[in-house]
């Protein structure tokens, strides 16, 4: 595993950092900050969590700044 950008809807929203065979999500966009520092097994799982988070907060897409 290595560090990698997490892209959602065409925008970089965070970084996945390997931690003991898992991935720690480091948010770089405010609208996904609630997921910051959570551990996931795959980048696909991170993207799924982002989708669920944005849907539950009433936002369907990542807004650019």
N, C-alpha and C. Protein backbone atom coordinates (compact mmCIF):
# COMPACT_ATOMS: atom_id res chain seq x y z
N UNK A 1 0.83 -1.19 0.00
CA UNK A 1 0.00 0.00 0.00
C UNK A 1 0.88 1.25 0.00
N UNK A 2 0.34 2.29 -0.64
CA UNK A 2 1.06 3.56 -0.65
C UNK A 2 0.04 4.69 -0.59
N UNK A 3 0.50 5.88 -0.28
CA UNK A 3 -0.38 7.05 -0.25
C UNK A 3 -1.00 7.25 -1.62
N UNK A 4 -2.24 7.67 -1.64
CA UNK A 4 -2.87 7.97 -2.92
C UNK A 4 -3.98 9.00 -2.74
N UNK A 5 -4.18 9.77 -3.78
CA UNK A 5 -5.24 10.76 -3.77
C UNK A 5 -6.59 10.05 -3.86
N UNK A 6 -7.58 10.63 -3.18
CA UNK A 6 -8.94 10.13 -3.28
C UNK A 6 -9.72 11.16 -4.10
N UNK A 7 -10.16 10.73 -5.28
CA UNK A 7 -10.89 11.61 -6.19
C UNK A 7 -12.36 11.20 -6.18
N UNK A 8 -13.23 12.19 -6.05
CA UNK A 8 -14.66 11.94 -6.04
C UNK A 8 -15.33 12.98 -6.92
N UNK A 9 -16.12 12.55 -7.87
CA UNK A 9 -16.77 13.46 -8.84
C UNK A 9 -15.76 14.38 -9.52
N UNK A 10 -14.60 13.84 -9.82
CA UNK A 10 -13.59 14.59 -10.56
C UNK A 10 -12.74 15.55 -9.74
N UNK A 11 -12.94 15.57 -8.43
CA UNK A 11 -12.16 16.47 -7.58
C UNK A 11 -11.45 15.68 -6.48
N UNK A 12 -10.25 16.12 -6.17
CA UNK A 12 -9.51 15.51 -5.07
C UNK A 12 -10.14 15.97 -3.76
N UNK A 13 -10.61 15.00 -2.97
CA UNK A 13 -11.27 15.34 -1.71
C UNK A 13 -10.46 14.90 -0.50
N UNK A 14 -9.42 14.10 -0.74
CA UNK A 14 -8.61 13.63 0.38
C UNK A 14 -7.46 12.77 -0.07
N UNK A 15 -6.80 12.22 0.94
CA UNK A 15 -5.64 11.35 0.71
C UNK A 15 -5.85 10.09 1.54
N UNK A 16 -5.53 8.95 0.96
CA UNK A 16 -5.57 7.67 1.67
C UNK A 16 -4.14 7.33 2.06
N UNK A 17 -3.90 7.20 3.37
CA UNK A 17 -2.57 6.93 3.89
C UNK A 17 -2.56 5.55 4.56
N UNK A 18 -1.65 4.68 4.14
CA UNK A 18 -1.59 3.34 4.75
C UNK A 18 -1.24 3.40 6.23
N UNK A 19 -2.02 2.64 7.02
CA UNK A 19 -1.77 2.51 8.46
C UNK A 19 -2.10 1.07 8.84
N UNK A 20 -1.08 0.29 9.13
CA UNK A 20 -1.26 -1.10 9.57
C UNK A 20 -2.25 -1.88 8.69
N UNK A 21 -1.97 -1.99 7.42
CA UNK A 21 -2.77 -2.74 6.45
C UNK A 21 -4.17 -2.18 6.21
N UNK A 22 -4.40 -0.95 6.62
CA UNK A 22 -5.67 -0.27 6.34
C UNK A 22 -5.32 1.09 5.74
N UNK A 23 -6.33 1.87 5.43
CA UNK A 23 -6.12 3.20 4.86
C UNK A 23 -6.79 4.25 5.73
N UNK A 24 -6.02 5.23 6.15
CA UNK A 24 -6.57 6.36 6.90
C UNK A 24 -6.92 7.44 5.90
N UNK A 25 -8.15 7.94 5.99
CA UNK A 25 -8.60 9.00 5.10
C UNK A 25 -8.27 10.35 5.72
N UNK A 26 -7.53 11.18 4.98
CA UNK A 26 -7.23 12.55 5.40
C UNK A 26 -7.99 13.48 4.46
N UNK A 27 -8.99 14.16 4.99
CA UNK A 27 -9.85 15.02 4.18
C UNK A 27 -9.13 16.32 3.82
N UNK A 28 -9.33 16.78 2.59
CA UNK A 28 -8.81 18.08 2.16
C UNK A 28 -9.93 19.00 1.68
N UNK A 29 -11.16 18.53 1.78
CA UNK A 29 -12.34 19.34 1.45
C UNK A 29 -13.25 19.38 2.67
N UNK A 30 -13.78 20.56 2.95
CA UNK A 30 -14.60 20.75 4.14
C UNK A 30 -15.83 19.84 4.17
N UNK A 31 -16.44 19.61 3.02
CA UNK A 31 -17.69 18.84 3.02
C UNK A 31 -17.51 17.34 3.29
N UNK A 32 -16.27 16.88 3.41
CA UNK A 32 -16.03 15.49 3.82
C UNK A 32 -15.20 15.42 5.11
N UNK A 33 -15.09 16.53 5.81
CA UNK A 33 -14.25 16.61 7.01
C UNK A 33 -14.71 15.64 8.10
N UNK A 34 -15.99 15.30 8.12
CA UNK A 34 -16.49 14.37 9.13
C UNK A 34 -15.90 12.96 8.97
N UNK A 35 -15.34 12.67 7.80
CA UNK A 35 -14.72 11.36 7.56
C UNK A 35 -13.22 11.37 7.84
N UNK A 36 -12.70 12.53 8.19
CA UNK A 36 -11.26 12.69 8.43
C UNK A 36 -10.76 11.73 9.51
N UNK A 37 -9.65 11.10 9.25
CA UNK A 37 -8.97 10.17 10.16
C UNK A 37 -9.67 8.83 10.37
N UNK A 38 -10.73 8.56 9.63
CA UNK A 38 -11.36 7.24 9.72
C UNK A 38 -10.53 6.22 8.96
N UNK A 39 -10.58 4.98 9.40
CA UNK A 39 -9.85 3.89 8.75
C UNK A 39 -10.78 3.08 7.86
N UNK A 40 -10.26 2.71 6.70
CA UNK A 40 -11.01 1.93 5.71
C UNK A 40 -10.12 0.82 5.19
N UNK A 41 -10.73 -0.17 4.56
CA UNK A 41 -9.96 -1.28 3.99
C UNK A 41 -9.53 -1.02 2.55
N UNK A 42 -10.32 -0.23 1.81
CA UNK A 42 -10.01 0.04 0.40
C UNK A 42 -10.40 1.47 0.05
N UNK A 43 -9.87 1.96 -1.06
CA UNK A 43 -10.27 3.27 -1.57
C UNK A 43 -11.73 3.23 -2.01
N UNK A 44 -12.16 2.11 -2.54
CA UNK A 44 -13.57 1.96 -2.92
C UNK A 44 -14.48 2.16 -1.71
N UNK A 45 -14.07 1.63 -0.57
CA UNK A 45 -14.83 1.81 0.67
C UNK A 45 -14.85 3.28 1.08
N UNK A 46 -13.74 3.98 0.88
CA UNK A 46 -13.69 5.41 1.19
C UNK A 46 -14.68 6.16 0.30
N UNK A 47 -14.67 5.87 -0.98
CA UNK A 47 -15.59 6.54 -1.92
C UNK A 47 -17.05 6.25 -1.57
N UNK A 48 -17.33 5.03 -1.16
CA UNK A 48 -18.69 4.67 -0.75
C UNK A 48 -19.10 5.48 0.48
N UNK A 49 -18.20 5.63 1.44
CA UNK A 49 -18.49 6.41 2.64
C UNK A 49 -18.72 7.88 2.29
N UNK A 50 -17.96 8.40 1.34
CA UNK A 50 -18.15 9.79 0.90
C UNK A 50 -19.54 9.94 0.28
N UNK A 51 -19.91 9.02 -0.59
CA UNK A 51 -21.23 9.06 -1.23
C UNK A 51 -22.33 9.06 -0.17
N UNK A 52 -22.24 8.16 0.79
CA UNK A 52 -23.25 8.07 1.85
C UNK A 52 -23.26 9.33 2.71
N UNK A 53 -22.09 9.84 3.02
CA UNK A 53 -21.99 11.05 3.84
C UNK A 53 -22.63 12.25 3.14
N UNK A 54 -22.30 12.45 1.89
CA UNK A 54 -22.85 13.59 1.15
C UNK A 54 -24.36 13.45 0.97
N UNK A 55 -24.84 12.24 0.75
CA UNK A 55 -26.28 12.02 0.60
C UNK A 55 -27.00 12.31 1.91
N UNK A 56 -26.41 11.89 3.03
CA UNK A 56 -27.06 12.09 4.32
C UNK A 56 -27.03 13.55 4.77
N UNK A 57 -26.07 14.32 4.26
CA UNK A 57 -25.99 15.73 4.62
C UNK A 57 -26.75 16.61 3.63
N UNK A 58 -27.41 15.97 2.66
CA UNK A 58 -28.21 16.72 1.70
C UNK A 58 -27.44 17.27 0.53
N UNK A 59 -26.17 16.90 0.40
CA UNK A 59 -25.34 17.36 -0.72
C UNK A 59 -25.09 16.20 -1.63
N UNK A 60 -25.34 16.35 -2.90
CA UNK A 60 -25.18 15.27 -3.87
C UNK A 60 -23.84 15.30 -4.60
N UNK A 61 -23.15 16.44 -4.60
CA UNK A 61 -21.89 16.55 -5.35
C UNK A 61 -20.90 17.37 -4.54
N UNK A 62 -19.65 17.16 -4.83
CA UNK A 62 -18.59 17.93 -4.19
C UNK A 62 -18.54 19.31 -4.84
N UNK A 63 -18.70 20.32 -4.03
CA UNK A 63 -18.66 21.70 -4.56
C UNK A 63 -17.22 22.19 -4.59
N UNK A 64 -16.87 22.88 -5.65
CA UNK A 64 -15.52 23.43 -5.73
C UNK A 64 -15.48 24.74 -4.96
N UNK A 65 -14.30 25.08 -4.48
CA UNK A 65 -14.12 26.31 -3.70
C UNK A 65 -13.69 27.45 -4.56
